[in-house]
Structure formats: structure tokens, C-alpha cells
């Protein structure tokens, strides 16, 4: 639920960003939250605690906590480990998004 709130806030904040650097940082947080939201759902279904998840992927429980709190962003190597250990795969698709060449984002349908 916390990740959903983070995503909603990220979209609100998106309209307030002015620089490309701010937009990149925001998109990084949104992508991380999307992955972690799905990972959290799978862990709940499989009754996996975050401390057990940390052990499964060879990291500390505090690192996993930092990921889920948004203090750190998830990287591709960690995503790969999670896919293997949880027996899942992520389906990646692209769709039109934001144009970053102007000061204000233009949303595509």
C-alpha cells in the first residue's frame, strides 16, 4: 500500500519538476516503486518475510528495508536475483510517455 502512495505522490510531483535531472530522479523512483510493489505482492502470496527475502538474494534485511522505503533504488542485478528466487519474471512493455524537451510534461493518450 505504501508503494502505491509513493507512486501517486510521484505523479503529483511530476508536474512540479522543472529540470531534466529532477524528472530522471522521479522516473527512477517510480520504476523502483513499480517493481517493488509487484515483489511485495508476490511475497505476500508466498508468505515470504522481508528478512527471508534478504537472505534469499544474499543481502541484508536493512538493505531490503531501504529498498521498500524508497531510500535506495532497486538495480537490475537485484531484480534478476528476485526473479530467480521468487520464480517470477517481469513483462516489460513500452508505451508513449512524457516528452521531456519542454518545461512542462506533455502526457500522451
C-alpha atoms as a PDB file:
ATOM      1  CA  UNK A   1       0.000   0.000   0.000  1.00  0.00           C
ATOM      2  CA  UNK A   2       2.882   2.344   0.823  1.00  0.00           C
ATOM      3  CA  UNK A   3       4.338   1.870  -2.670  1.00  0.00           C
ATOM      4  CA  UNK A   4       1.003   2.824  -4.245  1.00  0.00           C
ATOM      5  CA  UNK A   5       1.023   6.017  -2.198  1.00  0.00           C
ATOM      6  CA  UNK A   6       4.607   6.693  -3.296  1.00  0.00           C
ATOM      7  CA  UNK A   7       3.641   6.228  -6.940  1.00  0.00           C
ATOM      8  CA  UNK A   8       0.626   8.507  -6.615  1.00  0.00           C
ATOM      9  CA  UNK A   9       2.747  11.161  -4.946  1.00  0.00           C
ATOM     10  CA  UNK A  10       5.408  10.745  -7.629  1.00  0.00           C
ATOM     11  CA  UNK A  11       2.896  11.507 -10.347  1.00  0.00           C
ATOM     12  CA  UNK A  12       1.728  14.606  -8.482  1.00  0.00           C
ATOM     13  CA  UNK A  13       5.319  15.702  -8.055  1.00  0.00           C
ATOM     14  CA  UNK A  14       5.998  15.099 -11.738  1.00  0.00           C
ATOM     15  CA  UNK A  15       4.020  18.155 -12.696  1.00  0.00           C
ATOM     16  CA  UNK A  16       6.092  20.225 -10.287  1.00  0.00           C
ATOM     17  CA  UNK A  17       9.545  19.212 -11.615  1.00  0.00           C
ATOM     18  CA  UNK A  18      11.461  21.716 -13.674  1.00  0.00           C
ATOM     19  CA  UNK A  19      14.748  20.138 -14.667  1.00  0.00           C
ATOM     20  CA  UNK A  20      15.588  17.017 -16.613  1.00  0.00           C
ATOM     21  CA  UNK A  21      17.629  15.828 -13.638  1.00  0.00           C
ATOM     22  CA  UNK A  22      14.572  16.071 -11.389  1.00  0.00           C
ATOM     23  CA  UNK A  23      12.497  14.166 -13.932  1.00  0.00           C
ATOM     24  CA  UNK A  24      15.118  11.413 -14.205  1.00  0.00           C
ATOM     25  CA  UNK A  25      15.238  11.083 -10.416  1.00  0.00           C
ATOM     26  CA  UNK A  26      11.461  10.928 -10.254  1.00  0.00           C
ATOM     27  CA  UNK A  27      11.221   8.318 -13.021  1.00  0.00           C
ATOM     28  CA  UNK A  28      13.850   6.246 -11.198  1.00  0.00           C
ATOM     29  CA  UNK A  29      11.744   6.299  -8.038  1.00  0.00           C
ATOM     30  CA  UNK A  30       8.557   5.458  -9.938  1.00  0.00           C
ATOM     31  CA  UNK A  31      10.165   2.497 -11.728  1.00  0.00           C
ATOM     32  CA  UNK A  32      11.643   1.215  -8.484  1.00  0.00           C
ATOM     33  CA  UNK A  33       8.261   1.505  -6.759  1.00  0.00           C
ATOM     34  CA  UNK A  34       6.543  -0.399  -9.571  1.00  0.00           C
ATOM     35  CA  UNK A  35       8.959  -3.319  -9.308  1.00  0.00           C
ATOM     36  CA  UNK A  36       8.846  -3.366  -5.518  1.00  0.00           C
ATOM     37  CA  UNK A  37       5.075  -3.194  -5.439  1.00  0.00           C
ATOM     38  CA  UNK A  38       4.889  -6.342  -7.530  1.00  0.00           C
ATOM     39  CA  UNK A  39       7.603  -8.038  -5.477  1.00  0.00           C
ATOM     40  CA  UNK A  40       5.713  -7.197  -2.300  1.00  0.00           C
ATOM     41  CA  UNK A  41       2.543  -8.735  -3.753  1.00  0.00           C
ATOM     42  CA  UNK A  42       4.377 -11.957  -4.658  1.00  0.00           C
ATOM     43  CA  UNK A  43       5.992 -12.133  -1.216  1.00  0.00           C
ATOM     44  CA  UNK A  44       2.602 -11.783   0.450  1.00  0.00           C
ATOM     45  CA  UNK A  45       1.183 -14.563  -1.736  1.00  0.00           C
ATOM     46  CA  UNK A  46       4.131 -16.827  -0.886  1.00  0.00           C
ATOM     47  CA  UNK A  47       4.267 -15.831   2.812  1.00  0.00           C
ATOM     48  CA  UNK A  48       7.842 -14.568   2.485  1.00  0.00           C
ATOM     49  CA  UNK A  49       9.026 -12.089   5.097  1.00  0.00           C
ATOM     50  CA  UNK A  50      11.374  -9.298   4.081  1.00  0.00           C
ATOM     51  CA  UNK A  51      14.162 -10.737   6.239  1.00  0.00           C
ATOM     52  CA  UNK A  52      13.757 -14.066   4.413  1.00  0.00           C
ATOM     53  CA  UNK A  53      13.713 -12.251   1.091  1.00  0.00           C
ATOM     54  CA  UNK A  54      17.006 -10.586   2.009  1.00  0.00           C
ATOM     55  CA  UNK A  55      18.566 -13.956   2.791  1.00  0.00           C
ATOM     56  CA  UNK A  56      17.260 -15.427  -0.470  1.00  0.00           C
ATOM     57  CA  UNK A  57      19.003 -12.773  -2.564  1.00  0.00           C
ATOM     58  CA  UNK A  58      22.145 -12.510  -0.433  1.00  0.00           C
ATOM     59  CA  UNK A  59      21.709  -9.078   1.077  1.00  0.00           C
ATOM     60  CA  UNK A  60      20.965  -7.623   4.478  1.00  0.00           C
ATOM     61  CA  UNK A  61      17.470  -7.117   5.850  1.00  0.00           C
ATOM     62  CA  UNK A  62      18.287  -3.420   6.272  1.00  0.00           C
ATOM     63  CA  UNK A  63      19.075  -3.118   2.568  1.00  0.00           C
ATOM     64  CA  UNK A  64      15.706  -4.677   1.674  1.00  0.00           C
ATOM     65  CA  UNK A  65      14.003  -2.298   4.102  1.00  0.00           C
ATOM     66  CA  UNK A  66      15.761   0.659   2.470  1.00  0.00           C
ATOM     67  CA  UNK A  67      14.563  -0.516  -0.943  1.00  0.00           C
ATOM     68  CA  UNK A  68      10.939  -0.826   0.152  1.00  0.00           C
ATOM     69  CA  UNK A  69      11.027   2.528   1.941  1.00  0.00           C
ATOM     70  CA  UNK A  70      12.372   4.240  -1.156  1.00  0.00           C
ATOM     71  CA  UNK A  71      15.661   5.220   0.476  1.00  0.00           C
ATOM     72  CA  UNK A  72      17.515   3.220  -2.181  1.00  0.00           C
ATOM     73  CA  UNK A  73      16.540   2.320  -5.710  1.00  0.00           C
ATOM     74  CA  UNK A  74      16.479  -1.254  -6.893  1.00  0.00           C
ATOM     75  CA  UNK A  75      19.006  -2.216  -9.566  1.00  0.00           C
ATOM     76  CA  UNK A  76      18.773  -4.726 -12.395  1.00  0.00           C
ATOM     77  CA  UNK A  77      21.035  -7.264 -10.695  1.00  0.00           C
ATOM     78  CA  UNK A  78      18.735  -7.333  -7.659  1.00  0.00           C
ATOM     79  CA  UNK A  79      15.693  -7.624  -9.917  1.00  0.00           C
ATOM     80  CA  UNK A  80      17.317 -10.607 -11.646  1.00  0.00           C
ATOM     81  CA  UNK A  81      18.030 -12.272  -8.287  1.00  0.00           C
ATOM     82  CA  UNK A  82      14.434 -11.700  -7.198  1.00  0.00           C
ATOM     83  CA  UNK A  83      13.057 -13.193 -10.398  1.00  0.00           C
ATOM     84  CA  UNK A  84      15.157 -16.325  -9.874  1.00  0.00           C
ATOM     85  CA  UNK A  85      14.433 -16.729  -6.170  1.00  0.00           C
ATOM     86  CA  UNK A  86      10.711 -15.932  -6.370  1.00  0.00           C
ATOM     87  CA  UNK A  87      10.141 -17.930  -9.554  1.00  0.00           C
ATOM     88  CA  UNK A  88       8.716 -14.949 -11.418  1.00  0.00           C
ATOM     89  CA  UNK A  89       9.537 -12.876 -14.464  1.00  0.00           C
ATOM     90  CA  UNK A  90       8.661  -9.309 -15.272  1.00  0.00           C
ATOM     91  CA  UNK A  91       6.876  -8.484 -18.503  1.00  0.00           C
ATOM     92  CA  UNK A  92       8.333  -5.278 -19.921  1.00  0.00           C
ATOM     93  CA  UNK A  93       6.426  -3.212 -22.446  1.00  0.00           C
ATOM     94  CA  UNK A  94       6.850   0.325 -23.647  1.00  0.00           C
ATOM     95  CA  UNK A  95       4.152   2.881 -24.265  1.00  0.00           C
ATOM     96  CA  UNK A  96       4.141   6.565 -25.079  1.00  0.00           C
ATOM     97  CA  UNK A  97       5.052   8.607 -22.053  1.00  0.00           C
ATOM     98  CA  UNK A  98       6.295  12.026 -21.239  1.00  0.00           C
ATOM     99  CA  UNK A  99       8.050  14.409 -23.565  1.00  0.00           C
ATOM    100  CA  UNK A 100      10.950  15.993 -21.745  1.00  0.00           C
ATOM    101  CA  UNK A 101      12.016  18.542 -24.350  1.00  0.00           C
ATOM    102  CA  UNK A 102       9.806  21.254 -22.914  1.00  0.00           C
ATOM    103  CA  UNK A 103       9.494  22.692 -19.429  1.00  0.00           C
ATOM    104  CA  UNK A 104       6.090  21.107 -18.856  1.00  0.00           C
ATOM    105  CA  UNK A 105       5.435  17.408 -19.439  1.00  0.00           C
ATOM    106  CA  UNK A 106       3.025  16.539 -22.230  1.00  0.00           C
ATOM    107  CA  UNK A 107       1.027  13.419 -21.495  1.00  0.00           C
ATOM    108  CA  UNK A 108       0.280  11.158 -24.432  1.00  0.00           C
ATOM    109  CA  UNK A 109      -3.004   9.226 -24.564  1.00  0.00           C
END
